[in-house]
N, C-alpha and C. Protein backbone atom coordinates (compact mmCIF):
# COMPACT_ATOMS: atom_id res chain seq x y z
N MET A 1 0.84 -1.20 0.00
CA MET A 1 0.00 0.00 0.00
C MET A 1 0.88 1.25 0.00
N ARG A 2 0.50 2.23 -0.81
CA ARG A 2 1.28 3.45 -0.90
C ARG A 2 1.11 4.28 0.37
N LYS A 3 2.22 4.71 0.96
CA LYS A 3 2.16 5.52 2.16
C LYS A 3 1.78 6.95 1.81
N LEU A 4 1.02 7.59 2.73
CA LEU A 4 0.62 8.97 2.55
C LEU A 4 1.45 9.86 3.45
N ASN A 5 1.56 11.12 3.05
CA ASN A 5 2.29 12.06 3.91
C ASN A 5 1.38 12.60 4.99
N GLY A 6 1.86 13.56 5.75
CA GLY A 6 1.10 14.10 6.87
C GLY A 6 -0.19 14.77 6.47
N ASP A 7 -0.31 15.17 5.20
CA ASP A 7 -1.53 15.81 4.70
C ASP A 7 -2.49 14.81 4.05
N GLY A 8 -2.16 13.52 4.19
CA GLY A 8 -3.01 12.49 3.60
C GLY A 8 -2.88 12.38 2.11
N GLN A 9 -1.75 12.85 1.55
CA GLN A 9 -1.53 12.81 0.12
C GLN A 9 -0.34 11.92 -0.21
N ALA A 10 -0.27 11.49 -1.46
CA ALA A 10 0.85 10.67 -1.90
C ALA A 10 2.11 11.53 -1.92
N PRO A 11 3.26 10.96 -1.52
CA PRO A 11 4.52 11.72 -1.56
C PRO A 11 4.80 12.24 -2.96
N SER A 12 5.51 13.36 -3.04
CA SER A 12 5.73 14.02 -4.32
C SER A 12 6.44 13.13 -5.33
N ARG A 13 7.30 12.21 -4.87
CA ARG A 13 8.02 11.36 -5.82
C ARG A 13 7.06 10.45 -6.57
N PHE A 14 5.97 10.02 -5.90
CA PHE A 14 4.99 9.19 -6.59
C PHE A 14 4.22 10.02 -7.61
N ILE A 15 3.92 11.25 -7.24
CA ILE A 15 3.21 12.14 -8.15
C ILE A 15 4.05 12.41 -9.39
N ARG A 16 5.35 12.69 -9.16
CA ARG A 16 6.25 12.95 -10.30
C ARG A 16 6.38 11.73 -11.19
N ALA A 17 6.47 10.55 -10.57
CA ALA A 17 6.60 9.32 -11.36
C ALA A 17 5.35 9.10 -12.22
N ARG A 18 4.19 9.41 -11.68
CA ARG A 18 2.97 9.25 -12.45
C ARG A 18 2.91 10.26 -13.59
N GLN A 19 3.36 11.47 -13.34
CA GLN A 19 3.37 12.49 -14.39
C GLN A 19 4.30 12.10 -15.52
N VAL A 20 5.48 11.56 -15.17
CA VAL A 20 6.44 11.10 -16.19
C VAL A 20 5.83 9.96 -17.01
N ALA A 21 5.17 9.02 -16.31
CA ALA A 21 4.54 7.89 -17.01
C ALA A 21 3.44 8.38 -17.93
N ASP A 22 2.64 9.35 -17.47
CA ASP A 22 1.56 9.89 -18.30
C ASP A 22 2.12 10.53 -19.56
N ARG A 23 3.20 11.29 -19.42
CA ARG A 23 3.80 11.93 -20.60
C ARG A 23 4.32 10.89 -21.57
N SER A 24 4.91 9.82 -21.05
CA SER A 24 5.43 8.76 -21.92
C SER A 24 4.30 8.06 -22.66
N ILE A 25 3.19 7.79 -21.96
CA ILE A 25 2.06 7.15 -22.62
C ILE A 25 1.47 8.05 -23.69
N ASP A 26 1.42 9.36 -23.43
CA ASP A 26 0.96 10.31 -24.45
C ASP A 26 1.86 10.24 -25.69
N GLU A 27 3.17 10.16 -25.45
CA GLU A 27 4.12 10.06 -26.57
C GLU A 27 3.89 8.76 -27.33
N LEU A 28 3.64 7.68 -26.61
CA LEU A 28 3.39 6.39 -27.25
C LEU A 28 2.12 6.43 -28.10
N LEU A 29 1.07 7.06 -27.58
CA LEU A 29 -0.16 7.19 -28.37
C LEU A 29 0.09 7.98 -29.64
N GLY A 30 0.92 9.03 -29.54
CA GLY A 30 1.29 9.79 -30.73
C GLY A 30 2.02 8.93 -31.74
N LEU A 31 2.91 8.06 -31.26
CA LEU A 31 3.63 7.15 -32.15
C LEU A 31 2.66 6.18 -32.83
N CYS A 32 1.70 5.67 -32.05
CA CYS A 32 0.72 4.74 -32.61
C CYS A 32 -0.06 5.41 -33.74
N LYS A 33 -0.47 6.66 -33.52
CA LYS A 33 -1.22 7.38 -34.56
C LYS A 33 -0.34 7.60 -35.79
N GLY A 34 0.91 7.98 -35.56
CA GLY A 34 1.81 8.22 -36.68
C GLY A 34 2.11 6.97 -37.47
N VAL A 35 2.35 5.87 -36.77
CA VAL A 35 2.67 4.60 -37.43
C VAL A 35 1.50 4.12 -38.28
N ALA A 36 0.28 4.28 -37.76
CA ALA A 36 -0.90 3.76 -38.45
C ALA A 36 -1.50 4.74 -39.45
N ALA A 37 -0.95 5.94 -39.55
CA ALA A 37 -1.55 7.00 -40.36
C ALA A 37 -1.67 6.64 -41.83
N ASP A 38 -0.71 5.85 -42.36
CA ASP A 38 -0.75 5.53 -43.79
C ASP A 38 -1.44 4.19 -44.07
N GLY A 39 -2.09 3.63 -43.04
CA GLY A 39 -2.87 2.41 -43.25
C GLY A 39 -2.07 1.13 -43.23
N ARG A 40 -0.82 1.20 -42.81
CA ARG A 40 0.00 -0.02 -42.74
C ARG A 40 1.13 0.19 -41.74
N VAL A 41 1.75 -0.92 -41.34
CA VAL A 41 2.90 -0.87 -40.45
C VAL A 41 4.03 -1.64 -41.11
N CYS A 42 5.18 -1.02 -41.25
CA CYS A 42 6.32 -1.68 -41.89
C CYS A 42 7.31 -2.18 -40.83
N GLN A 43 8.28 -2.96 -41.30
CA GLN A 43 9.28 -3.54 -40.41
C GLN A 43 10.04 -2.47 -39.64
N ASP A 44 10.48 -1.42 -40.31
CA ASP A 44 11.25 -0.37 -39.64
C ASP A 44 10.43 0.32 -38.55
N GLU A 45 9.13 0.50 -38.78
CA GLU A 45 8.27 1.12 -37.77
C GLU A 45 8.11 0.22 -36.56
N ALA A 46 8.00 -1.08 -36.79
CA ALA A 46 7.91 -2.03 -35.68
C ALA A 46 9.19 -2.01 -34.85
N LEU A 47 10.33 -1.97 -35.52
CA LEU A 47 11.61 -1.90 -34.82
C LEU A 47 11.75 -0.59 -34.04
N TYR A 48 11.31 0.51 -34.64
CA TYR A 48 11.36 1.81 -33.96
C TYR A 48 10.53 1.79 -32.68
N MET A 49 9.33 1.21 -32.75
CA MET A 49 8.47 1.15 -31.58
C MET A 49 9.08 0.27 -30.50
N LEU A 50 9.71 -0.84 -30.91
CA LEU A 50 10.36 -1.71 -29.94
C LEU A 50 11.51 -0.97 -29.25
N ASN A 51 12.30 -0.23 -30.01
CA ASN A 51 13.40 0.54 -29.43
C ASN A 51 12.86 1.61 -28.47
N TRP A 52 11.74 2.23 -28.84
CA TRP A 52 11.13 3.23 -27.95
C TRP A 52 10.69 2.59 -26.64
N LEU A 53 10.06 1.45 -26.73
CA LEU A 53 9.59 0.75 -25.53
C LEU A 53 10.75 0.33 -24.64
N GLN A 54 11.84 -0.10 -25.24
CA GLN A 54 13.01 -0.48 -24.45
C GLN A 54 13.65 0.73 -23.80
N ALA A 55 13.61 1.89 -24.48
CA ALA A 55 14.17 3.12 -23.92
C ALA A 55 13.28 3.72 -22.85
N ASN A 56 12.01 3.32 -22.84
CA ASN A 56 11.04 3.83 -21.86
C ASN A 56 10.53 2.67 -21.00
N ASP A 57 11.46 1.96 -20.42
CA ASP A 57 11.14 0.76 -19.66
C ASP A 57 10.25 1.05 -18.45
N HIS A 58 10.20 2.30 -18.00
CA HIS A 58 9.39 2.64 -16.83
C HIS A 58 7.89 2.49 -17.08
N VAL A 59 7.49 2.34 -18.36
CA VAL A 59 6.07 2.12 -18.64
C VAL A 59 5.82 0.73 -19.23
N ARG A 60 6.78 -0.17 -19.09
CA ARG A 60 6.65 -1.50 -19.71
C ARG A 60 5.43 -2.26 -19.21
N ASP A 61 5.02 -2.00 -17.94
CA ASP A 61 3.87 -2.70 -17.37
C ASP A 61 2.61 -1.84 -17.37
N LYS A 62 2.66 -0.67 -18.01
CA LYS A 62 1.51 0.24 -18.04
C LYS A 62 0.76 0.07 -19.35
N TRP A 63 -0.56 0.00 -19.26
CA TRP A 63 -1.39 -0.15 -20.46
C TRP A 63 -1.37 1.15 -21.25
N PRO A 64 -1.27 1.14 -22.60
CA PRO A 64 -1.20 -0.04 -23.48
C PRO A 64 0.22 -0.44 -23.86
N ALA A 65 1.25 0.16 -23.22
CA ALA A 65 2.63 -0.18 -23.55
C ALA A 65 2.88 -1.68 -23.36
N ASN A 66 2.29 -2.26 -22.30
CA ASN A 66 2.51 -3.68 -22.04
C ASN A 66 1.95 -4.55 -23.17
N ILE A 67 0.80 -4.17 -23.71
CA ILE A 67 0.19 -4.94 -24.80
C ILE A 67 1.04 -4.84 -26.06
N ILE A 68 1.46 -3.63 -26.40
CA ILE A 68 2.25 -3.41 -27.62
C ILE A 68 3.58 -4.15 -27.52
N ARG A 69 4.24 -4.05 -26.37
CA ARG A 69 5.56 -4.66 -26.20
C ARG A 69 5.51 -6.17 -26.41
N VAL A 70 4.53 -6.82 -25.78
CA VAL A 70 4.42 -8.27 -25.92
C VAL A 70 4.21 -8.66 -27.38
N ARG A 71 3.35 -7.92 -28.07
CA ARG A 71 3.04 -8.25 -29.46
C ARG A 71 4.25 -8.04 -30.37
N ILE A 72 4.95 -6.92 -30.22
CA ILE A 72 6.08 -6.64 -31.10
C ILE A 72 7.24 -7.59 -30.83
N VAL A 73 7.51 -7.89 -29.56
CA VAL A 73 8.57 -8.84 -29.23
C VAL A 73 8.27 -10.20 -29.88
N GLU A 74 7.01 -10.61 -29.82
CA GLU A 74 6.61 -11.88 -30.43
C GLU A 74 6.82 -11.85 -31.94
N TYR A 75 6.42 -10.76 -32.58
CA TYR A 75 6.53 -10.67 -34.03
C TYR A 75 7.98 -10.60 -34.50
N LEU A 76 8.85 -9.99 -33.69
CA LEU A 76 10.24 -9.82 -34.09
C LEU A 76 11.15 -10.93 -33.58
N GLU A 77 10.55 -11.96 -33.03
CA GLU A 77 11.36 -13.07 -32.48
C GLU A 77 12.24 -13.70 -33.55
N ASP A 78 11.72 -13.79 -34.79
CA ASP A 78 12.50 -14.37 -35.88
C ASP A 78 13.20 -13.30 -36.71
N GLY A 79 13.12 -12.04 -36.27
CA GLY A 79 13.79 -10.95 -36.97
C GLY A 79 13.02 -10.36 -38.13
N ILE A 80 11.85 -10.91 -38.43
CA ILE A 80 11.07 -10.45 -39.59
C ILE A 80 9.61 -10.31 -39.18
N VAL A 81 9.00 -9.17 -39.54
CA VAL A 81 7.56 -8.99 -39.35
C VAL A 81 6.89 -9.29 -40.69
N ASP A 82 6.25 -10.47 -40.78
CA ASP A 82 5.66 -10.86 -42.07
C ASP A 82 4.35 -10.11 -42.32
N GLN A 83 3.73 -10.37 -43.46
CA GLN A 83 2.55 -9.63 -43.87
C GLN A 83 1.40 -9.77 -42.87
N ASP A 84 1.14 -11.00 -42.43
CA ASP A 84 0.06 -11.22 -41.46
C ASP A 84 0.33 -10.46 -40.17
N GLU A 85 1.58 -10.50 -39.72
CA GLU A 85 1.94 -9.81 -38.48
C GLU A 85 1.83 -8.29 -38.64
N ARG A 86 2.19 -7.79 -39.81
CA ARG A 86 2.07 -6.34 -40.06
C ARG A 86 0.60 -5.91 -40.02
N GLU A 87 -0.28 -6.75 -40.59
CA GLU A 87 -1.70 -6.44 -40.58
C GLU A 87 -2.26 -6.49 -39.15
N GLU A 88 -1.82 -7.47 -38.38
CA GLU A 88 -2.27 -7.58 -37.00
C GLU A 88 -1.77 -6.40 -36.16
N LEU A 89 -0.54 -5.97 -36.44
CA LEU A 89 0.02 -4.85 -35.70
C LEU A 89 -0.71 -3.56 -36.05
N PHE A 90 -1.05 -3.38 -37.32
CA PHE A 90 -1.83 -2.21 -37.71
C PHE A 90 -3.19 -2.21 -37.01
N ASP A 91 -3.83 -3.38 -36.96
CA ASP A 91 -5.14 -3.48 -36.30
C ASP A 91 -5.02 -3.13 -34.81
N LEU A 92 -3.91 -3.53 -34.19
CA LEU A 92 -3.67 -3.18 -32.79
C LEU A 92 -3.53 -1.67 -32.64
N MET A 93 -2.76 -1.03 -33.53
CA MET A 93 -2.62 0.43 -33.48
C MET A 93 -3.97 1.12 -33.65
N ARG A 94 -4.77 0.60 -34.58
CA ARG A 94 -6.08 1.20 -34.84
C ARG A 94 -6.99 1.09 -33.62
N GLN A 95 -6.95 -0.05 -32.95
CA GLN A 95 -7.77 -0.21 -31.75
C GLN A 95 -7.32 0.73 -30.64
N ILE A 96 -6.01 0.91 -30.50
CA ILE A 96 -5.47 1.75 -29.44
C ILE A 96 -5.88 3.21 -29.63
N VAL A 97 -5.80 3.70 -30.86
CA VAL A 97 -6.10 5.12 -31.10
C VAL A 97 -7.55 5.36 -31.47
N GLY A 98 -8.37 4.31 -31.54
CA GLY A 98 -9.79 4.46 -31.80
C GLY A 98 -10.13 4.54 -33.26
N SER A 99 -9.46 5.40 -34.01
CA SER A 99 -9.67 5.53 -35.44
C SER A 99 -8.48 6.22 -36.06
N VAL A 100 -7.96 5.67 -37.14
CA VAL A 100 -6.83 6.31 -37.81
C VAL A 100 -7.30 7.40 -38.76
N ASP A 101 -8.63 7.53 -38.93
CA ASP A 101 -9.18 8.52 -39.85
C ASP A 101 -9.78 9.71 -39.11
N ALA A 102 -9.56 9.80 -37.80
CA ALA A 102 -10.15 10.88 -37.03
C ALA A 102 -9.57 12.23 -37.46
N PRO A 103 -10.41 13.28 -37.54
CA PRO A 103 -9.90 14.61 -37.84
C PRO A 103 -8.88 15.04 -36.81
N ALA A 104 -7.99 15.93 -37.19
CA ALA A 104 -6.90 16.35 -36.29
C ALA A 104 -7.42 16.89 -34.97
N ALA A 105 -8.59 17.55 -34.99
CA ALA A 105 -9.12 18.18 -33.78
C ALA A 105 -9.98 17.24 -32.96
N LEU A 106 -10.11 15.97 -33.40
CA LEU A 106 -11.01 15.04 -32.74
C LEU A 106 -10.29 13.74 -32.43
N ASN A 107 -10.48 13.23 -31.21
CA ASN A 107 -9.91 11.95 -30.82
C ASN A 107 -11.05 10.97 -30.52
N PHE A 108 -11.00 9.82 -31.17
CA PHE A 108 -11.95 8.77 -30.84
C PHE A 108 -11.39 7.93 -29.69
N SER A 109 -12.28 7.34 -28.92
CA SER A 109 -11.83 6.55 -27.78
C SER A 109 -11.23 5.22 -28.24
N THR A 110 -10.32 4.69 -27.45
CA THR A 110 -9.71 3.41 -27.75
C THR A 110 -10.74 2.30 -27.69
N SER A 111 -10.57 1.26 -28.52
CA SER A 111 -11.46 0.11 -28.48
C SER A 111 -10.76 -1.13 -27.93
N LEU A 112 -9.49 -1.01 -27.64
CA LEU A 112 -8.71 -2.18 -27.22
C LEU A 112 -9.18 -2.79 -25.90
N PRO A 113 -9.61 -1.99 -24.89
CA PRO A 113 -9.95 -2.60 -23.61
C PRO A 113 -11.29 -3.34 -23.58
N PHE A 114 -12.10 -3.25 -24.65
CA PHE A 114 -13.44 -3.82 -24.59
C PHE A 114 -13.40 -5.32 -24.32
N ASP A 115 -14.36 -5.80 -23.54
CA ASP A 115 -14.50 -7.23 -23.32
C ASP A 115 -14.65 -7.94 -24.67
N ASP A 116 -14.08 -9.11 -24.79
CA ASP A 116 -14.17 -9.88 -26.03
C ASP A 116 -14.55 -11.33 -25.68
N PRO A 117 -15.81 -11.70 -25.91
CA PRO A 117 -16.88 -10.89 -26.51
C PRO A 117 -17.49 -9.94 -25.48
N GLN A 118 -18.12 -8.88 -25.97
CA GLN A 118 -18.80 -7.97 -25.08
C GLN A 118 -20.09 -8.64 -24.57
N PRO A 119 -20.36 -8.56 -23.27
CA PRO A 119 -21.48 -9.31 -22.70
C PRO A 119 -22.83 -8.67 -22.98
N ASP A 120 -23.88 -9.51 -22.97
CA ASP A 120 -25.23 -8.96 -23.00
C ASP A 120 -25.44 -8.16 -21.72
N LEU A 121 -26.04 -7.01 -21.84
CA LEU A 121 -26.22 -6.14 -20.69
C LEU A 121 -27.65 -6.26 -20.17
N LEU A 122 -27.76 -6.64 -18.90
CA LEU A 122 -29.05 -6.69 -18.22
C LEU A 122 -29.13 -5.43 -17.36
N PHE A 123 -29.98 -4.52 -17.73
CA PHE A 123 -29.97 -3.20 -17.11
C PHE A 123 -30.50 -3.20 -15.69
N SER A 124 -31.54 -3.98 -15.42
CA SER A 124 -32.15 -3.97 -14.10
C SER A 124 -31.17 -4.45 -13.03
N GLY A 125 -30.91 -3.59 -12.06
CA GLY A 125 -30.00 -3.95 -10.98
C GLY A 125 -28.53 -3.83 -11.31
N GLN A 126 -28.20 -3.43 -12.54
CA GLN A 126 -26.80 -3.32 -12.97
C GLN A 126 -26.29 -1.90 -12.77
N ARG A 127 -25.03 -1.80 -12.34
CA ARG A 127 -24.41 -0.48 -12.18
C ARG A 127 -23.61 -0.14 -13.43
N PHE A 128 -23.71 1.11 -13.85
CA PHE A 128 -23.03 1.58 -15.04
C PHE A 128 -22.18 2.81 -14.72
N CYS A 129 -20.98 2.82 -15.28
CA CYS A 129 -20.08 3.96 -15.17
C CYS A 129 -19.79 4.46 -16.58
N LEU A 130 -20.14 5.70 -16.87
CA LEU A 130 -20.00 6.24 -18.22
C LEU A 130 -18.75 7.11 -18.32
N THR A 131 -18.06 6.99 -19.44
CA THR A 131 -16.87 7.81 -19.65
C THR A 131 -16.76 8.17 -21.13
N GLY A 132 -16.24 9.33 -21.43
CA GLY A 132 -16.14 9.79 -22.81
C GLY A 132 -17.37 10.57 -23.23
N GLN A 133 -17.40 10.95 -24.51
CA GLN A 133 -18.54 11.66 -25.08
C GLN A 133 -19.34 10.70 -25.95
N PHE A 134 -20.65 10.79 -25.84
CA PHE A 134 -21.53 9.83 -26.48
C PHE A 134 -22.23 10.43 -27.70
N ILE A 135 -22.16 9.70 -28.83
CA ILE A 135 -22.92 10.07 -30.01
C ILE A 135 -24.42 9.93 -29.73
N PHE A 136 -24.77 8.98 -28.88
CA PHE A 136 -26.15 8.72 -28.46
C PHE A 136 -26.83 10.00 -27.97
N GLY A 137 -26.10 10.81 -27.23
CA GLY A 137 -26.66 12.04 -26.68
C GLY A 137 -25.85 12.51 -25.50
N PRO A 138 -26.24 13.62 -24.88
CA PRO A 138 -25.52 14.14 -23.71
C PRO A 138 -25.53 13.11 -22.57
N ARG A 139 -24.53 13.22 -21.70
CA ARG A 139 -24.41 12.26 -20.60
C ARG A 139 -25.69 12.14 -19.77
N PRO A 140 -26.36 13.24 -19.39
CA PRO A 140 -27.60 13.10 -18.61
C PRO A 140 -28.67 12.27 -19.32
N GLN A 141 -28.75 12.39 -20.65
CA GLN A 141 -29.73 11.61 -21.39
C GLN A 141 -29.38 10.13 -21.34
N CYS A 142 -28.10 9.80 -21.48
CA CYS A 142 -27.66 8.41 -21.38
C CYS A 142 -28.00 7.83 -20.01
N GLU A 143 -27.77 8.62 -18.98
CA GLU A 143 -28.05 8.16 -17.61
C GLU A 143 -29.55 7.94 -17.41
N ARG A 144 -30.37 8.81 -17.98
CA ARG A 144 -31.82 8.65 -17.84
C ARG A 144 -32.31 7.35 -18.46
N GLU A 145 -31.73 6.99 -19.61
CA GLU A 145 -32.14 5.75 -20.26
C GLU A 145 -31.79 4.54 -19.39
N ILE A 146 -30.63 4.57 -18.76
CA ILE A 146 -30.22 3.48 -17.87
C ILE A 146 -31.15 3.40 -16.67
N LEU A 147 -31.42 4.53 -16.06
CA LEU A 147 -32.28 4.57 -14.87
C LEU A 147 -33.69 4.11 -15.20
N SER A 148 -34.17 4.42 -16.42
CA SER A 148 -35.54 4.03 -16.79
C SER A 148 -35.70 2.53 -16.89
N LEU A 149 -34.59 1.80 -17.07
CA LEU A 149 -34.62 0.34 -17.19
C LEU A 149 -34.20 -0.35 -15.89
N GLY A 150 -34.09 0.43 -14.81
CA GLY A 150 -33.79 -0.18 -13.51
C GLY A 150 -32.32 -0.27 -13.18
N GLY A 151 -31.46 0.30 -14.04
CA GLY A 151 -30.02 0.32 -13.74
C GLY A 151 -29.68 1.49 -12.83
N SER A 152 -28.43 1.55 -12.40
CA SER A 152 -27.97 2.65 -11.56
C SER A 152 -26.67 3.20 -12.11
N ILE A 153 -26.33 4.40 -11.69
CA ILE A 153 -25.14 5.09 -12.18
C ILE A 153 -24.12 5.24 -11.07
N VAL A 154 -22.86 4.93 -11.36
CA VAL A 154 -21.77 5.18 -10.43
C VAL A 154 -20.77 6.10 -11.13
N THR A 155 -20.09 6.91 -10.37
CA THR A 155 -19.18 7.90 -10.96
C THR A 155 -17.78 7.34 -11.22
N ALA A 156 -17.50 6.15 -10.70
CA ALA A 156 -16.18 5.52 -10.89
C ALA A 156 -16.36 4.01 -10.86
N PRO A 157 -15.47 3.26 -11.50
CA PRO A 157 -15.56 1.80 -11.47
C PRO A 157 -15.57 1.26 -10.05
N ARG A 158 -16.32 0.19 -9.82
CA ARG A 158 -16.43 -0.42 -8.51
C ARG A 158 -15.87 -1.84 -8.53
N LYS A 159 -15.05 -2.17 -7.55
CA LYS A 159 -14.49 -3.52 -7.49
C LYS A 159 -15.58 -4.58 -7.30
N SER A 160 -16.68 -4.19 -6.68
CA SER A 160 -17.77 -5.13 -6.46
C SER A 160 -18.57 -5.41 -7.72
N GLY A 161 -18.27 -4.67 -8.79
CA GLY A 161 -18.89 -4.96 -10.07
C GLY A 161 -19.58 -3.76 -10.70
N CYS A 162 -19.36 -3.59 -12.00
CA CYS A 162 -20.04 -2.56 -12.78
C CYS A 162 -19.69 -2.74 -14.24
N VAL A 163 -20.40 -2.00 -15.08
CA VAL A 163 -20.12 -1.98 -16.51
C VAL A 163 -19.64 -0.57 -16.86
N VAL A 164 -18.43 -0.47 -17.40
CA VAL A 164 -17.90 0.81 -17.86
C VAL A 164 -18.25 0.95 -19.34
N VAL A 165 -19.02 1.98 -19.66
CA VAL A 165 -19.43 2.22 -21.05
C VAL A 165 -18.59 3.37 -21.59
N VAL A 166 -17.89 3.12 -22.68
CA VAL A 166 -16.97 4.11 -23.25
C VAL A 166 -17.61 4.78 -24.45
N GLY A 167 -17.82 6.08 -24.34
CA GLY A 167 -18.38 6.84 -25.45
C GLY A 167 -17.47 6.81 -26.66
N LEU A 168 -18.04 6.96 -27.84
CA LEU A 168 -17.26 6.86 -29.07
C LEU A 168 -16.18 7.92 -29.16
N VAL A 169 -16.47 9.11 -28.67
CA VAL A 169 -15.54 10.23 -28.80
C VAL A 169 -14.82 10.47 -27.47
N GLY A 170 -13.51 10.67 -27.53
CA GLY A 170 -12.73 10.93 -26.34
C GLY A 170 -13.11 12.25 -25.69
N SER A 171 -13.04 12.27 -24.37
CA SER A 171 -13.37 13.48 -23.62
C SER A 171 -12.15 14.38 -23.50
N ARG A 172 -12.39 15.69 -23.51
CA ARG A 172 -11.30 16.64 -23.30
C ARG A 172 -10.78 16.57 -21.86
N ASP A 173 -11.56 15.93 -20.98
CA ASP A 173 -11.15 15.79 -19.58
C ASP A 173 -10.26 14.57 -19.35
N TRP A 174 -10.14 13.71 -20.36
CA TRP A 174 -9.32 12.51 -20.20
C TRP A 174 -7.85 12.89 -20.07
N VAL A 175 -7.13 12.11 -19.26
CA VAL A 175 -5.70 12.38 -19.05
C VAL A 175 -4.90 12.08 -20.32
N HIS A 176 -5.38 11.15 -21.15
CA HIS A 176 -4.75 10.84 -22.43
C HIS A 176 -5.75 11.08 -23.56
N SER A 177 -5.26 11.14 -24.78
CA SER A 177 -6.13 11.51 -25.89
C SER A 177 -7.21 10.48 -26.18
N THR A 178 -6.95 9.19 -25.94
CA THR A 178 -7.93 8.17 -26.29
C THR A 178 -8.49 7.39 -25.10
N PHE A 179 -8.04 7.71 -23.90
CA PHE A 179 -8.60 7.06 -22.70
C PHE A 179 -8.25 7.88 -21.47
N GLY A 180 -9.00 7.62 -20.39
CA GLY A 180 -8.81 8.37 -19.16
C GLY A 180 -8.63 7.46 -17.96
N ARG A 181 -8.69 8.06 -16.76
CA ARG A 181 -8.44 7.32 -15.54
C ARG A 181 -9.48 6.24 -15.27
N LYS A 182 -10.74 6.48 -15.66
CA LYS A 182 -11.76 5.47 -15.41
C LYS A 182 -11.42 4.17 -16.15
N ILE A 183 -10.95 4.30 -17.38
CA ILE A 183 -10.58 3.11 -18.15
C ILE A 183 -9.36 2.46 -17.53
N GLU A 184 -8.36 3.26 -17.13
CA GLU A 184 -7.18 2.71 -16.46
C GLU A 184 -7.58 1.95 -15.20
N THR A 185 -8.46 2.55 -14.40
CA THR A 185 -8.89 1.92 -13.15
C THR A 185 -9.65 0.63 -13.43
N ALA A 186 -10.54 0.66 -14.43
CA ALA A 186 -11.30 -0.53 -14.77
C ALA A 186 -10.39 -1.66 -15.24
N LEU A 187 -9.37 -1.33 -16.01
CA LEU A 187 -8.42 -2.35 -16.47
C LEU A 187 -7.67 -2.97 -15.30
N ASP A 188 -7.23 -2.13 -14.35
CA ASP A 188 -6.54 -2.64 -13.17
C ASP A 188 -7.46 -3.58 -12.38
N MET A 189 -8.71 -3.18 -12.20
CA MET A 189 -9.66 -4.01 -11.45
C MET A 189 -9.93 -5.32 -12.18
N ARG A 190 -10.05 -5.25 -13.50
CA ARG A 190 -10.31 -6.47 -14.26
C ARG A 190 -9.15 -7.44 -14.16
N ARG A 191 -7.91 -6.90 -14.17
CA ARG A 191 -6.73 -7.76 -14.02
C ARG A 191 -6.71 -8.42 -12.65
N GLU A 192 -7.28 -7.75 -11.66
CA GLU A 192 -7.33 -8.31 -10.31
C GLU A 192 -8.45 -9.34 -10.14
N GLY A 193 -9.23 -9.53 -11.19
CA GLY A 193 -10.31 -10.51 -11.15
C GLY A 193 -11.65 -9.94 -10.70
N CYS A 194 -11.75 -8.62 -10.61
CA CYS A 194 -13.01 -7.99 -10.21
C CYS A 194 -14.03 -8.08 -11.35
N PRO A 195 -15.30 -8.19 -11.04
CA PRO A 195 -16.34 -8.31 -12.07
C PRO A 195 -16.65 -6.98 -12.75
N VAL A 196 -15.68 -6.45 -13.46
CA VAL A 196 -15.82 -5.18 -14.14
C VAL A 196 -15.75 -5.43 -15.64
N SER A 197 -16.77 -4.99 -16.36
CA SER A 197 -16.80 -5.12 -17.82
C SER A 197 -16.57 -3.76 -18.46
N ILE A 198 -15.95 -3.76 -19.64
CA ILE A 198 -15.73 -2.53 -20.40
C ILE A 198 -16.34 -2.75 -21.78
N VAL A 199 -17.31 -1.91 -22.13
CA VAL A 199 -18.02 -2.10 -23.39
C VAL A 199 -18.06 -0.79 -24.17
N SER A 200 -18.34 -0.90 -25.45
CA SER A 200 -18.40 0.26 -26.34
C SER A 200 -19.77 0.91 -26.28
N GLU A 201 -19.82 2.17 -26.67
CA GLU A 201 -21.11 2.86 -26.79
C GLU A 201 -22.02 2.12 -27.78
N GLU A 202 -21.46 1.65 -28.89
CA GLU A 202 -22.26 0.95 -29.89
C GLU A 202 -22.92 -0.29 -29.30
N HIS A 203 -22.16 -1.08 -28.53
CA HIS A 203 -22.71 -2.29 -27.92
C HIS A 203 -23.78 -1.92 -26.89
N TRP A 204 -23.49 -0.92 -26.09
CA TRP A 204 -24.45 -0.45 -25.08
C TRP A 204 -25.76 -0.01 -25.74
N THR A 205 -25.65 0.72 -26.85
CA THR A 205 -26.84 1.19 -27.56
C THR A 205 -27.64 0.03 -28.13
N ASP A 206 -26.95 -0.97 -28.69
CA ASP A 206 -27.63 -2.15 -29.22
C ASP A 206 -28.42 -2.87 -28.12
N CYS A 207 -27.80 -3.02 -26.94
CA CYS A 207 -28.48 -3.68 -25.82
C CYS A 207 -29.64 -2.84 -25.31
N LEU A 208 -29.48 -1.54 -25.35
CA LEU A 208 -30.53 -0.63 -24.92
C LEU A 208 -31.75 -0.77 -25.83
N LYS A 209 -31.51 -0.82 -27.12
CA LYS A 209 -32.61 -0.98 -28.08
C LYS A 209 -33.30 -2.32 -27.88
N ARG A 210 -32.54 -3.35 -27.58
CA ARG A 210 -33.12 -4.67 -27.34
C ARG A 210 -34.02 -4.64 -26.11
N GLU A 211 -33.59 -3.95 -25.07
CA GLU A 211 -34.39 -3.87 -23.84
C GLU A 211 -35.69 -3.12 -24.08
N PHE A 212 -35.65 -2.07 -24.89
CA PHE A 212 -36.86 -1.31 -25.18
C PHE A 212 -37.80 -2.12 -26.07
N GLY A 213 -37.24 -3.06 -26.85
CA GLY A 213 -38.07 -3.84 -27.75
C GLY A 213 -38.40 -3.12 -29.04
N PHE A 214 -37.87 -1.92 -29.22
CA PHE A 214 -38.06 -1.14 -30.43
C PHE A 214 -36.96 -0.10 -30.46
N THR A 215 -36.87 0.64 -31.54
CA THR A 215 -35.86 1.69 -31.62
C THR A 215 -36.35 2.90 -30.83
N PRO A 216 -35.70 3.22 -29.69
CA PRO A 216 -36.16 4.31 -28.87
C PRO A 216 -36.02 5.66 -29.58
N PRO A 217 -36.81 6.64 -29.18
CA PRO A 217 -36.81 7.93 -29.87
C PRO A 217 -35.68 8.83 -29.45
N PHE A 218 -34.43 8.51 -29.87
CA PHE A 218 -33.31 9.40 -29.58
C PHE A 218 -32.50 9.62 -30.83
């Protein structure tokens, strides 16, 4: 457990370490966007990303650096990234940045953390945590639809169980361009075996329509 100082806060060295890690992850997301921008990933780009990950070992266990590192190390084990591996690596980059076709002023949310397969959502008695911006409508409207079906809203992921719904568009409040602290927290909880699901806005909307039994008026 992290020790707190006399003011009940984390020591400054932990804060600085987190800030450094956040900046590195932002740089990595920029690399992912750049690598995937032309619709493909070449051998030299895979090697460059591996060298970057090795030079930034302090984030080797931080998502999504840990996912990328494992995949690239596997692909480069024989020294060559073949066509299938290049396509798989591009798909990984696309999932991490949400969309390689997003306008410069717009960031789509990452799709990589979603449950696979995404579970059927039973709204009655289920807790939901919303993050990001929703094409469906403003956050209060999304919450009203959940409440109307007997679900409840929580402001942060719960270890005792919840569904984190990620809006299609990244929020300006997120610490990173394609994901924020709620997604990071949910991933940590899921790794610990907590009953936390992460689903897309599209999947949530499909389940919502199924619960209504018709296309709701939104």
